[in-house]
Amino acid sequence: MSIKITGLKEIGRKLDDLSRRAEEIDGTNEVPINDLFSTLFISRCSKYSSAEEMFEASGYKIETQEDFDAIPDKEWDEFIKNNTEYASWEEMLQAASAEWVKKKIGL
């Protein structure tokens, strides 16, 4: 008795595509804040509908990287802890990054 398996070529093509996409984002990437913190991501983990809305609600003026860098880490972590499902900015950043990678490679 034997079993016929079909679709292996299609699986191979999908794996090749996944590999190609992973290679495209390998290394360091500069990701626009709105891509990293999509409206879907922000709305799922907080009461805000966008990163801009969340930043505005923080009470800090965040228009540039320098503005963001000037925010005391402890205060920003406290804001994130109190206004999202994450315990810290680092945790939120890691979750957003993982979601961005999944999207880019097609998972």
PDB file of N, CA and C in Angstrom:
ATOM      1  N   MET A   1       0.848  -1.176   0.000  1.00  0.00           N
ATOM      2  CA  MET A   1       0.000   0.000   0.000  1.00  0.00           C
ATOM      3  C   MET A   1       0.890   1.235   0.000  1.00  0.00           C
ATOM      4  N   SER A   2       0.464   2.273  -0.704  1.00  0.00           N
ATOM      5  CA  SER A   2       1.218   3.530  -0.742  1.00  0.00           C
ATOM      6  C   SER A   2       0.255   4.706  -0.667  1.00  0.00           C
ATOM      7  N   ILE A   3       0.818   5.819  -0.250  1.00  0.00           N
ATOM      8  CA  ILE A   3       0.024   7.043  -0.134  1.00  0.00           C
ATOM      9  C   ILE A   3       0.633   8.068  -1.073  1.00  0.00           C
ATOM     10  N   LYS A   4      -0.206   8.726  -1.847  1.00  0.00           N
ATOM     11  CA  LYS A   4       0.268   9.738  -2.774  1.00  0.00           C
ATOM     12  C   LYS A   4       0.233  11.105  -2.079  1.00  0.00           C
ATOM     13  N   ILE A   5       1.368  11.789  -2.048  1.00  0.00           N
ATOM     14  CA  ILE A   5       1.469  13.120  -1.439  1.00  0.00           C
ATOM     15  C   ILE A   5       1.659  14.135  -2.553  1.00  0.00           C
ATOM     16  N   THR A   6       0.817  15.154  -2.555  1.00  0.00           N
ATOM     17  CA  THR A   6       0.918  16.200  -3.571  1.00  0.00           C
ATOM     18  C   THR A   6       1.117  17.549  -2.891  1.00  0.00           C
ATOM     19  N   GLY A   7       1.558  18.497  -3.659  1.00  0.00           N
ATOM     20  CA  GLY A   7       1.697  19.854  -3.132  1.00  0.00           C
ATOM     21  C   GLY A   7       3.081  20.187  -2.622  1.00  0.00           C
ATOM     22  N   LEU A   8       4.033  19.262  -2.755  1.00  0.00           N
ATOM     23  CA  LEU A   8       5.370  19.537  -2.231  1.00  0.00           C
ATOM     24  C   LEU A   8       6.076  20.659  -3.007  1.00  0.00           C
ATOM     25  N   LYS A   9       5.810  20.770  -4.284  1.00  0.00           N
ATOM     26  CA  LYS A   9       6.412  21.865  -5.058  1.00  0.00           C
ATOM     27  C   LYS A   9       5.915  23.211  -4.551  1.00  0.00           C
ATOM     28  N   GLU A  10       4.624  23.289  -4.250  1.00  0.00           N
ATOM     29  CA  GLU A  10       4.043  24.539  -3.731  1.00  0.00           C
ATOM     30  C   GLU A  10       4.657  24.889  -2.374  1.00  0.00           C
ATOM     31  N   ILE A  11       4.823  23.891  -1.529  1.00  0.00           N
ATOM     32  CA  ILE A  11       5.461  24.135  -0.226  1.00  0.00           C
ATOM     33  C   ILE A  11       6.883  24.624  -0.429  1.00  0.00           C
ATOM     34  N   GLY A  12       7.591  24.032  -1.362  1.00  0.00           N
ATOM     35  CA  GLY A  12       8.962  24.453  -1.668  1.00  0.00           C
ATOM     36  C   GLY A  12       9.011  25.898  -2.137  1.00  0.00           C
ATOM     37  N   ARG A  13       8.074  26.291  -2.982  1.00  0.00           N
ATOM     38  CA  ARG A  13       8.020  27.684  -3.456  1.00  0.00           C
ATOM     39  C   ARG A  13       7.750  28.639  -2.302  1.00  0.00           C
ATOM     40  N   LYS A  14       6.836  28.248  -1.424  1.00  0.00           N
ATOM     41  CA  LYS A  14       6.514  29.104  -0.282  1.00  0.00           C
ATOM     42  C   LYS A  14       7.708  29.238   0.662  1.00  0.00           C
ATOM     43  N   LEU A  15       8.422  28.151   0.863  1.00  0.00           N
ATOM     44  CA  LEU A  15       9.611  28.215   1.716  1.00  0.00           C
ATOM     45  C   LEU A  15      10.704  29.078   1.086  1.00  0.00           C
ATOM     46  N   ASP A  16      10.865  28.971  -0.224  1.00  0.00           N
ATOM     47  CA  ASP A  16      11.835  29.819  -0.919  1.00  0.00           C
ATOM     48  C   ASP A  16      11.465  31.293  -0.777  1.00  0.00           C
ATOM     49  N   ASP A  17      10.182  31.597  -0.918  1.00  0.00           N
ATOM     50  CA  ASP A  17       9.713  32.976  -0.776  1.00  0.00           C
ATOM     51  C   ASP A  17       9.936  33.476   0.644  1.00  0.00           C
ATOM     52  N   LEU A  18       9.634  32.653   1.631  1.00  0.00           N
ATOM     53  CA  LEU A  18       9.854  33.007   3.026  1.00  0.00           C
ATOM     54  C   LEU A  18      11.332  33.283   3.280  1.00  0.00           C
ATOM     55  N   SER A  19      12.190  32.446   2.742  1.00  0.00           N
ATOM     56  CA  SER A  19      13.637  32.625   2.899  1.00  0.00           C
ATOM     57  C   SER A  19      14.104  33.928   2.252  1.00  0.00           C
ATOM     58  N   ARG A  20      13.598  34.219   1.059  1.00  0.00           N
ATOM     59  CA  ARG A  20      13.973  35.448   0.351  1.00  0.00           C
ATOM     60  C   ARG A  20      13.544  36.676   1.154  1.00  0.00           C
ATOM     61  N   ARG A  21      12.326  36.647   1.674  1.00  0.00           N
ATOM     62  CA  ARG A  21      11.835  37.778   2.460  1.00  0.00           C
ATOM     63  C   ARG A  21      12.649  37.968   3.738  1.00  0.00           C
ATOM     64  N   ALA A  22      13.025  36.868   4.383  1.00  0.00           N
ATOM     65  CA  ALA A  22      13.835  36.955   5.600  1.00  0.00           C
ATOM     66  C   ALA A  22      15.204  37.557   5.287  1.00  0.00           C
ATOM     67  N   GLU A  23      15.790  37.178   4.173  1.00  0.00           N
ATOM     68  CA  GLU A  23      17.088  37.734   3.774  1.00  0.00           C
ATOM     69  C   GLU A  23      16.979  39.238   3.508  1.00  0.00           C
ATOM     70  N   GLU A  24      15.857  39.684   2.971  1.00  0.00           N
ATOM     71  CA  GLU A  24      15.671  41.104   2.663  1.00  0.00           C
ATOM     72  C   GLU A  24      15.690  41.984   3.915  1.00  0.00           C
ATOM     73  N   ILE A  25      15.264  41.445   5.041  1.00  0.00           N
ATOM     74  CA  ILE A  25      15.241  42.259   6.259  1.00  0.00           C
ATOM     75  C   ILE A  25      16.340  41.872   7.244  1.00  0.00           C
ATOM     76  N   ASP A  26      17.237  40.975   6.837  1.00  0.00           N
ATOM     77  CA  ASP A  26      18.334  40.569   7.699  1.00  0.00           C
ATOM     78  C   ASP A  26      19.220  41.772   8.019  1.00  0.00           C
ATOM     79  N   GLY A  27      19.687  41.858   9.234  1.00  0.00           N
ATOM     80  CA  GLY A  27      20.559  42.962   9.627  1.00  0.00           C
ATOM     81  C   GLY A  27      19.789  44.069  10.303  1.00  0.00           C
ATOM     82  N   THR A  28      20.322  45.260  10.243  1.00  0.00           N
ATOM     83  CA  THR A  28      19.721  46.423  10.877  1.00  0.00           C
ATOM     84  C   THR A  28      18.748  47.083   9.910  1.00  0.00           C
ATOM     85  N   ASN A  29      17.580  47.440  10.426  1.00  0.00           N
ATOM     86  CA  ASN A  29      16.555  48.087   9.606  1.00  0.00           C
ATOM     87  C   ASN A  29      16.093  49.371  10.276  1.00  0.00           C
ATOM     88  N   GLU A  30      15.901  50.401   9.488  1.00  0.00           N
ATOM     89  CA  GLU A  30      15.257  51.616   9.980  1.00  0.00           C
ATOM     90  C   GLU A  30      13.791  51.524   9.574  1.00  0.00           C
ATOM     91  N   VAL A  31      12.946  51.422  10.587  1.00  0.00           N
ATOM     92  CA  VAL A  31      11.518  51.220  10.347  1.00  0.00           C
ATOM     93  C   VAL A  31      10.772  52.473  10.791  1.00  0.00           C
ATOM     94  N   PRO A  32       9.998  53.068   9.904  1.00  0.00           N
ATOM     95  CA  PRO A  32       9.200  54.228  10.310  1.00  0.00           C
ATOM     96  C   PRO A  32       8.302  53.871  11.492  1.00  0.00           C
ATOM     97  N   ILE A  33       8.166  54.787  12.414  1.00  0.00           N
ATOM     98  CA  ILE A  33       7.413  54.558  13.642  1.00  0.00           C
ATOM     99  C   ILE A  33       5.990  54.084  13.359  1.00  0.00           C
ATOM    100  N   ASN A  34       5.362  54.611  12.315  1.00  0.00           N
ATOM    101  CA  ASN A  34       3.991  54.201  11.983  1.00  0.00           C
ATOM    102  C   ASN A  34       3.927  52.800  11.402  1.00  0.00           C
ATOM    103  N   ASP A  35       5.039  52.321  10.856  1.00  0.00           N
ATOM    104  CA  ASP A  35       5.084  50.939  10.379  1.00  0.00           C
ATOM    105  C   ASP A  35       5.308  49.989  11.554  1.00  0.00           C
ATOM    106  N   LEU A  36       6.191  50.375  12.459  1.00  0.00           N
ATOM    107  CA  LEU A  36       6.491  49.529  13.610  1.00  0.00           C
ATOM    108  C   LEU A  36       5.301  49.469  14.567  1.00  0.00           C
ATOM    109  N   PHE A  37       4.734  50.636  14.847  1.00  0.00           N
ATOM    110  CA  PHE A  37       3.578  50.721  15.738  1.00  0.00           C
ATOM    111  C   PHE A  37       2.338  51.026  14.910  1.00  0.00           C
ATOM    112  N   SER A  38       1.902  50.034  14.176  1.00  0.00           N
ATOM    113  CA  SER A  38       0.741  50.205  13.296  1.00  0.00           C
ATOM    114  C   SER A  38      -0.504  50.515  14.122  1.00  0.00           C
ATOM    115  N   THR A  39      -1.499  51.048  13.464  1.00  0.00           N
ATOM    116  CA  THR A  39      -2.751  51.346  14.159  1.00  0.00           C
ATOM    117  C   THR A  39      -3.360  50.065  14.740  1.00  0.00           C
ATOM    118  N   LEU A  40      -3.207  48.959  14.037  1.00  0.00           N
ATOM    119  CA  LEU A  40      -3.721  47.684  14.532  1.00  0.00           C
ATOM    120  C   LEU A  40      -2.992  47.278  15.812  1.00  0.00           C
ATOM    121  N   PHE A  41      -1.671  47.375  15.800  1.00  0.00           N
ATOM    122  CA  PHE A  41      -0.882  47.019  16.985  1.00  0.00           C
ATOM    123  C   PHE A  41      -1.264  47.896  18.173  1.00  0.00           C
ATOM    124  N   ILE A  42      -1.278  49.210  17.969  1.00  0.00           N
ATOM    125  CA  ILE A  42      -1.571  50.145  19.060  1.00  0.00           C
ATOM    126  C   ILE A  42      -2.989  49.933  19.588  1.00  0.00           C
ATOM    127  N   SER A  43      -3.942  49.768  18.702  1.00  0.00           N
ATOM    128  CA  SER A  43      -5.329  49.606  19.155  1.00  0.00           C
ATOM    129  C   SER A  43      -5.545  48.287  19.891  1.00  0.00           C
ATOM    130  N   ARG A  44      -4.757  47.269  19.574  1.00  0.00           N
ATOM    131  CA  ARG A  44      -4.880  45.987  20.274  1.00  0.00           C
ATOM    132  C   ARG A  44      -4.270  46.025  21.672  1.00  0.00           C
ATOM    133  N   CYS A  45      -3.237  46.842  21.878  1.00  0.00           N
ATOM    134  CA  CYS A  45      -2.530  46.801  23.162  1.00  0.00           C
ATOM    135  C   CYS A  45      -2.799  48.014  24.048  1.00  0.00           C
ATOM    136  N   SER A  46      -3.625  48.936  23.581  1.00  0.00           N
ATOM    137  CA  SER A  46      -3.880  50.140  24.374  1.00  0.00           C
ATOM    138  C   SER A  46      -5.267  50.688  24.052  1.00  0.00           C
ATOM    139  N   LYS A  47      -5.591  51.788  24.695  1.00  0.00           N
ATOM    140  CA  LYS A  47      -6.874  52.443  24.412  1.00  0.00           C
ATOM    141  C   LYS A  47      -6.744  53.453  23.284  1.00  0.00           C
ATOM    142  N   TYR A  48      -5.567  53.562  22.706  1.00  0.00           N
ATOM    143  CA  TYR A  48      -5.296  54.543  21.649  1.00  0.00           C
ATOM    144  C   TYR A  48      -5.471  53.912  20.275  1.00  0.00           C
ATOM    145  N   SER A  49      -5.722  54.756  19.283  1.00  0.00           N
ATOM    146  CA  SER A  49      -5.928  54.247  17.929  1.00  0.00           C
ATOM    147  C   SER A  49      -4.718  54.432  17.028  1.00  0.00           C
ATOM    148  N   SER A  50      -3.703  55.141  17.517  1.00  0.00           N
ATOM    149  CA  SER A  50      -2.488  55.322  16.725  1.00  0.00           C
ATOM    150  C   SER A  50      -1.320  55.658  17.641  1.00  0.00           C
ATOM    151  N   ALA A  51      -0.112  55.507  17.112  1.00  0.00           N
ATOM    152  CA  ALA A  51       1.085  55.865  17.872  1.00  0.00           C
ATOM    153  C   ALA A  51       1.076  57.364  18.175  1.00  0.00           C
ATOM    154  N   GLU A  52       0.647  58.171  17.206  1.00  0.00           N
ATOM    155  CA  GLU A  52       0.608  59.611  17.415  1.00  0.00           C
ATOM    156  C   GLU A  52      -0.315  59.972  18.582  1.00  0.00           C
ATOM    157  N   GLU A  53      -1.476  59.329  18.627  1.00  0.00           N
ATOM    158  CA  GLU A  53      -2.418  59.584  19.708  1.00  0.00           C
ATOM    159  C   GLU A  53      -1.819  59.182  21.059  1.00  0.00           C
ATOM    160  N   MET A  54      -1.137  58.045  21.089  1.00  0.00           N
ATOM    161  CA  MET A  54      -0.508  57.595  22.324  1.00  0.00           C
ATOM    162  C   MET A  54       0.597  58.560  22.757  1.00  0.00           C
ATOM    163  N   PHE A  55       1.433  58.982  21.809  1.00  0.00           N
ATOM    164  CA  PHE A  55       2.512  59.912  22.135  1.00  0.00           C
ATOM    165  C   PHE A  55       1.946  61.231  22.653  1.00  0.00           C
ATOM    166  N   GLU A  56       0.894  61.712  22.013  1.00  0.00           N
ATOM    167  CA  GLU A  56       0.268  62.965  22.436  1.00  0.00           C
ATOM    168  C   GLU A  56      -0.287  62.840  23.860  1.00  0.00           C
ATOM    169  N   ALA A  57      -0.909  61.710  24.152  1.00  0.00           N
ATOM    170  CA  ALA A  57      -1.485  61.483  25.475  1.00  0.00           C
ATOM    171  C   ALA A  57      -0.428  61.379  26.565  1.00  0.00           C
ATOM    172  N   SER A  58       0.799  61.088  26.169  1.00  0.00           N
ATOM    173  CA  SER A  58       1.869  60.932  27.155  1.00  0.00           C
ATOM    174  C   SER A  58       2.232  62.246  27.836  1.00  0.00           C
ATOM    175  N   GLY A  59       1.882  63.351  27.186  1.00  0.00           N
ATOM    176  CA  GLY A  59       2.232  64.652  27.743  1.00  0.00           C
ATOM    177  C   GLY A  59       3.603  65.143  27.313  1.00  0.00           C
ATOM    178  N   TYR A  60       4.318  64.331  26.554  1.00  0.00           N
ATOM    179  CA  TYR A  60       5.633  64.720  26.050  1.00  0.00           C
ATOM    180  C   TYR A  60       5.500  65.167  24.599  1.00  0.00           C
ATOM    181  N   LYS A  61       6.291  66.150  24.223  1.00  0.00           N
ATOM    182  CA  LYS A  61       6.350  66.574  22.831  1.00  0.00           C
ATOM    183  C   LYS A  61       7.310  65.613  22.125  1.00  0.00           C
ATOM    184  N   ILE A  62       6.772  64.808  21.236  1.00  0.00           N
ATOM    185  CA  ILE A  62       7.584  63.819  20.526  1.00  0.00           C
ATOM    186  C   ILE A  62       7.409  64.034  19.034  1.00  0.00           C
ATOM    187  N   GLU A  63       8.307  64.810  18.475  1.00  0.00           N
ATOM    188  CA  GLU A  63       8.278  65.061  17.037  1.00  0.00           C
ATOM    189  C   GLU A  63       9.541  64.565  16.342  1.00  0.00           C
ATOM    190  N   THR A  64      10.602  64.384  17.119  1.00  0.00           N
ATOM    191  CA  THR A  64      11.870  63.935  16.552  1.00  0.00           C
ATOM    192  C   THR A  64      12.457  62.838  17.450  1.00  0.00           C
ATOM    193  N   GLN A  65      13.467  62.181  16.940  1.00  0.00           N
ATOM    194  CA  GLN A  65      14.166  61.178  17.742  1.00  0.00           C
ATOM    195  C   GLN A  65      14.783  61.826  18.975  1.00  0.00           C
ATOM    196  N   GLU A  66      15.262  63.053  18.823  1.00  0.00           N
ATOM    197  CA  GLU A  66      15.859  63.770  19.946  1.00  0.00           C
ATOM    198  C   GLU A  66      14.826  64.038  21.045  1.00  0.00           C
ATOM    199  N   ASP A  67      13.604  64.397  20.641  1.00  0.00           N
ATOM    200  CA  ASP A  67      12.523  64.585  21.609  1.00  0.00           C
ATOM    201  C   ASP A  67      12.292  63.295  22.389  1.00  0.00           C
ATOM    202  N   PHE A  68      12.239  62.198  21.660  1.00  0.00           N
ATOM    203  CA  PHE A  68      11.989  60.915  22.301  1.00  0.00           C
ATOM    204  C   PHE A  68      13.138  60.539  23.235  1.00  0.00           C
ATOM    205  N   ASP A  69      14.360  60.746  22.787  1.00  0.00           N
ATOM    206  CA  ASP A  69      15.535  60.413  23.594  1.00  0.00           C
ATOM    207  C   ASP A  69      15.610  61.223  24.883  1.00  0.00           C
ATOM    208  N   ALA A  70      15.002  62.397  24.891  1.00  0.00           N
ATOM    209  CA  ALA A  70      15.045  63.276  26.063  1.00  0.00           C
ATOM    210  C   ALA A  70      14.080  62.841  27.170  1.00  0.00           C
ATOM    211  N   ILE A  71      13.165  61.951  26.866  1.00  0.00           N
ATOM    212  CA  ILE A  71      12.204  61.493  27.880  1.00  0.00           C
ATOM    213  C   ILE A  71      12.923  60.557  28.845  1.00  0.00           C
ATOM    214  N   PRO A  72      12.814  60.808  30.148  1.00  0.00           N
ATOM    215  CA  PRO A  72      13.446  59.900  31.122  1.00  0.00           C
ATOM    216  C   PRO A  72      12.882  58.474  30.980  1.00  0.00           C
ATOM    217  N   ASP A  73      13.771  57.509  30.896  1.00  0.00           N
ATOM    218  CA  ASP A  73      13.361  56.121  30.678  1.00  0.00           C
ATOM    219  C   ASP A  73      12.344  55.644  31.708  1.00  0.00           C
ATOM    220  N   LYS A  74      12.577  55.960  32.965  1.00  0.00           N
ATOM    221  CA  LYS A  74      11.686  55.494  34.025  1.00  0.00           C
ATOM    222  C   LYS A  74      10.269  56.053  33.840  1.00  0.00           C
ATOM    223  N   GLU A  75      10.171  57.321  33.479  1.00  0.00           N
ATOM    224  CA  GLU A  75       8.857  57.940  33.271  1.00  0.00           C
ATOM    225  C   GLU A  75       8.151  57.359  32.048  1.00  0.00           C
ATOM    226  N   TRP A  76       8.911  57.106  30.992  1.00  0.00           N
ATOM    227  CA  TRP A  76       8.311  56.539  29.778  1.00  0.00           C
ATOM    228  C   TRP A  76       7.843  55.107  30.050  1.00  0.00           C
ATOM    229  N   ASP A  77       8.658  54.319  30.759  1.00  0.00           N
ATOM    230  CA  ASP A  77       8.247  52.963  31.118  1.00  0.00           C
ATOM    231  C   ASP A  77       6.966  52.990  31.950  1.00  0.00           C
ATOM    232  N   GLU A  78       6.875  53.939  32.848  1.00  0.00           N
ATOM    233  CA  GLU A  78       5.684  54.059  33.694  1.00  0.00           C
ATOM    234  C   GLU A  78       4.458  54.387  32.841  1.00  0.00           C
ATOM    235  N   PHE A  79       4.614  55.291  31.886  1.00  0.00           N
ATOM    236  CA  PHE A  79       3.504  55.619  30.983  1.00  0.00           C
ATOM    237  C   PHE A  79       3.069  54.373  30.205  1.00  0.00           C
ATOM    238  N   ILE A  80       4.032  53.647  29.655  1.00  0.00           N
ATOM    239  CA  ILE A  80       3.724  52.437  28.882  1.00  0.00           C
ATOM    240  C   ILE A  80       3.033  51.407  29.770  1.00  0.00           C
ATOM    241  N   LYS A  81       3.549  51.205  30.964  1.00  0.00           N
ATOM    242  CA  LYS A  81       2.963  50.239  31.899  1.00  0.00           C
ATOM    243  C   LYS A  81       1.516  50.594  32.244  1.00  0.00           C
ATOM    244  N   ASN A  82       1.240  51.893  32.430  1.00  0.00           N
ATOM    245  CA  ASN A  82      -0.092  52.333  32.827  1.00  0.00           C
ATOM    246  C   ASN A  82      -1.080  52.471  31.673  1.00  0.00           C
ATOM    247  N   ASN A  83      -0.587  52.481  30.442  1.00  0.00           N
ATOM    248  CA  ASN A  83      -1.464  52.768  29.307  1.00  0.00           C
ATOM    249  C   ASN A  83      -1.478  51.714  28.204  1.00  0.00           C
ATOM    250  N   THR A  84      -0.718  50.644  28.411  1.00  0.00           N
ATOM    251  CA  THR A  84      -0.708  49.551  27.431  1.00  0.00           C
ATOM    252  C   THR A  84      -0.713  48.231  28.191  1.00  0.00           C
ATOM    253  N   GLU A  85      -0.728  47.155  27.463  1.00  0.00           N
ATOM    254  CA  GLU A  85      -0.670  45.843  28.109  1.00  0.00           C
ATOM    255  C   GLU A  85       0.769  45.423  28.411  1.00  0.00           C
ATOM    256  N   TYR A  86       1.720  46.281  28.129  1.00  0.00           N
ATOM    257  CA  TYR A  86       3.128  45.949  28.330  1.00  0.00           C
ATOM    258  C   TYR A  86       3.669  46.549  29.624  1.00  0.00           C
ATOM    259  N   ALA A  87       4.636  45.853  30.208  1.00  0.00           N
ATOM    260  CA  ALA A  87       5.224  46.281  31.479  1.00  0.00           C
ATOM    261  C   ALA A  87       6.302  47.337  31.290  1.00  0.00           C
ATOM    262  N   SER A  88       6.807  47.485  30.066  1.00  0.00           N
ATOM    263  CA  SER A  88       7.879  48.458  29.806  1.00  0.00           C
ATOM    264  C   SER A  88       7.924  48.797  28.320  1.00  0.00           C
ATOM    265  N   TRP A  89       8.646  49.861  28.016  1.00  0.00           N
ATOM    266  CA  TRP A  89       8.846  50.263  26.631  1.00  0.00           C
ATOM    267  C   TRP A  89       9.599  49.163  25.881  1.00  0.00           C
ATOM    268  N   GLU A  90      10.597  48.579  26.499  1.00  0.00           N
ATOM    269  CA  GLU A  90      11.392  47.537  25.848  1.00  0.00           C
ATOM    270  C   GLU A  90      10.509  46.348  25.473  1.00  0.00           C
ATOM    271  N   GLU A  91       9.630  45.958  26.366  1.00  0.00           N
ATOM    272  CA  GLU A  91       8.721  44.851  26.085  1.00  0.00           C
ATOM    273  C   GLU A  91       7.800  45.199  24.915  1.00  0.00           C
ATOM    274  N   MET A  92       7.282  46.403  24.903  1.00  0.00           N
ATOM    275  CA  MET A  92       6.400  46.847  23.824  1.00  0.00           C
ATOM    276  C   MET A  92       7.162  46.918  22.502  1.00  0.00           C
ATOM    277  N   LEU A  93       8.361  47.438  22.545  1.00  0.00           N
ATOM    278  CA  LEU A  93       9.201  47.543  21.352  1.00  0.00           C
ATOM    279  C   LEU A  93       9.519  46.160  20.786  1.00  0.00           C
ATOM    280  N   GLN A  94       9.828  45.212  21.644  1.00  0.00           N
ATOM    281  CA  GLN A  94      10.113  43.848  21.181  1.00  0.00           C
ATOM    282  C   GLN A  94       8.880  43.217  20.539  1.00  0.00           C
ATOM    283  N   ALA A  95       7.720  43.421  21.147  1.00  0.00           N
ATOM    284  CA  ALA A  95       6.486  42.858  20.585  1.00  0.00           C
ATOM    285  C   ALA A  95       6.172  43.477  19.223  1.00  0.00           C
ATOM    286  N   ALA A  96       6.311  44.791  19.120  1.00  0.00           N
ATOM    287  CA  ALA A  96       6.048  45.469  17.850  1.00  0.00           C
ATOM    288  C   ALA A  96       7.040  45.024  16.785  1.00  0.00           C
ATOM    289  N   SER A  97       8.292  44.868  17.180  1.00  0.00           N
ATOM    290  CA  SER A  97       9.323  44.423  16.234  1.00  0.00           C
ATOM    291  C   SER A  97       9.032  43.014  15.726  1.00  0.00           C
ATOM    292  N   ALA A  98       8.641  42.122  16.633  1.00  0.00           N
ATOM    293  CA  ALA A  98       8.316  40.747  16.229  1.00  0.00           C
ATOM    294  C   ALA A  98       7.139  40.734  15.263  1.00  0.00           C
ATOM    295  N   GLU A  99       6.143  41.558  15.530  1.00  0.00           N
ATOM    296  CA  GLU A  99       4.976  41.634  14.648  1.00  0.00           C
ATOM    297  C   GLU A  99       5.379  42.196  13.281  1.00  0.00           C
ATOM    298  N   TRP A 100       6.242  43.207  13.266  1.00  0.00           N
ATOM    299  CA  TRP A 100       6.710  43.799  12.012  1.00  0.00           C
ATOM    300  C   TRP A 100       7.452  42.757  11.177  1.00  0.00           C
ATOM    301  N   VAL A 101       8.326  41.974  11.828  1.00  0.00           N
ATOM    302  CA  VAL A 101       9.087  40.936  11.118  1.00  0.00           C
ATOM    303  C   VAL A 101       8.129  39.902  10.529  1.00  0.00           C
ATOM    304  N   LYS A 102       7.175  39.450  11.309  1.00  0.00           N
ATOM    305  CA  LYS A 102       6.204  38.468  10.803  1.00  0.00           C
ATOM    306  C   LYS A 102       5.486  38.990   9.568  1.00  0.00           C
ATOM    307  N   LYS A 103       5.090  40.241   9.632  1.00  0.00           N
ATOM    308  CA  LYS A 103       4.378  40.840   8.499  1.00  0.00           C
ATOM    309  C   LYS A 103       5.292  40.908   7.262  1.00  0.00           C
ATOM    310  N   LYS A 104       6.531  41.318   7.470  1.00  0.00           N
ATOM    311  CA  LYS A 104       7.459  41.485   6.350  1.00  0.00           C
ATOM    312  C   LYS A 104       7.799  40.156   5.682  1.00  0.00           C
ATOM    313  N   ILE A 105       7.853  39.078   6.463  1.00  0.00           N
ATOM    314  CA  ILE A 105       8.200  37.805   5.850  1.00  0.00           C
ATOM    315  C   ILE A 105       6.968  36.994   5.428  1.00  0.00           C
ATOM    316  N   GLY A 106       5.794  37.540   5.728  1.00  0.00           N
ATOM    317  CA  GLY A 106       4.573  36.928   5.235  1.00  0.00           C
ATOM    318  C   GLY A 106       3.979  35.854   6.117  1.00  0.00           C
ATOM    319  N   LEU A 107       4.219  35.948   7.416  1.00  0.00           N
ATOM    320  CA  LEU A 107       3.607  34.964   8.326  1.00  0.00           C
ATOM    321  C   LEU A 107       2.320  35.480   8.919  1.00  0.00           C
TER     322      LEU A 107
END
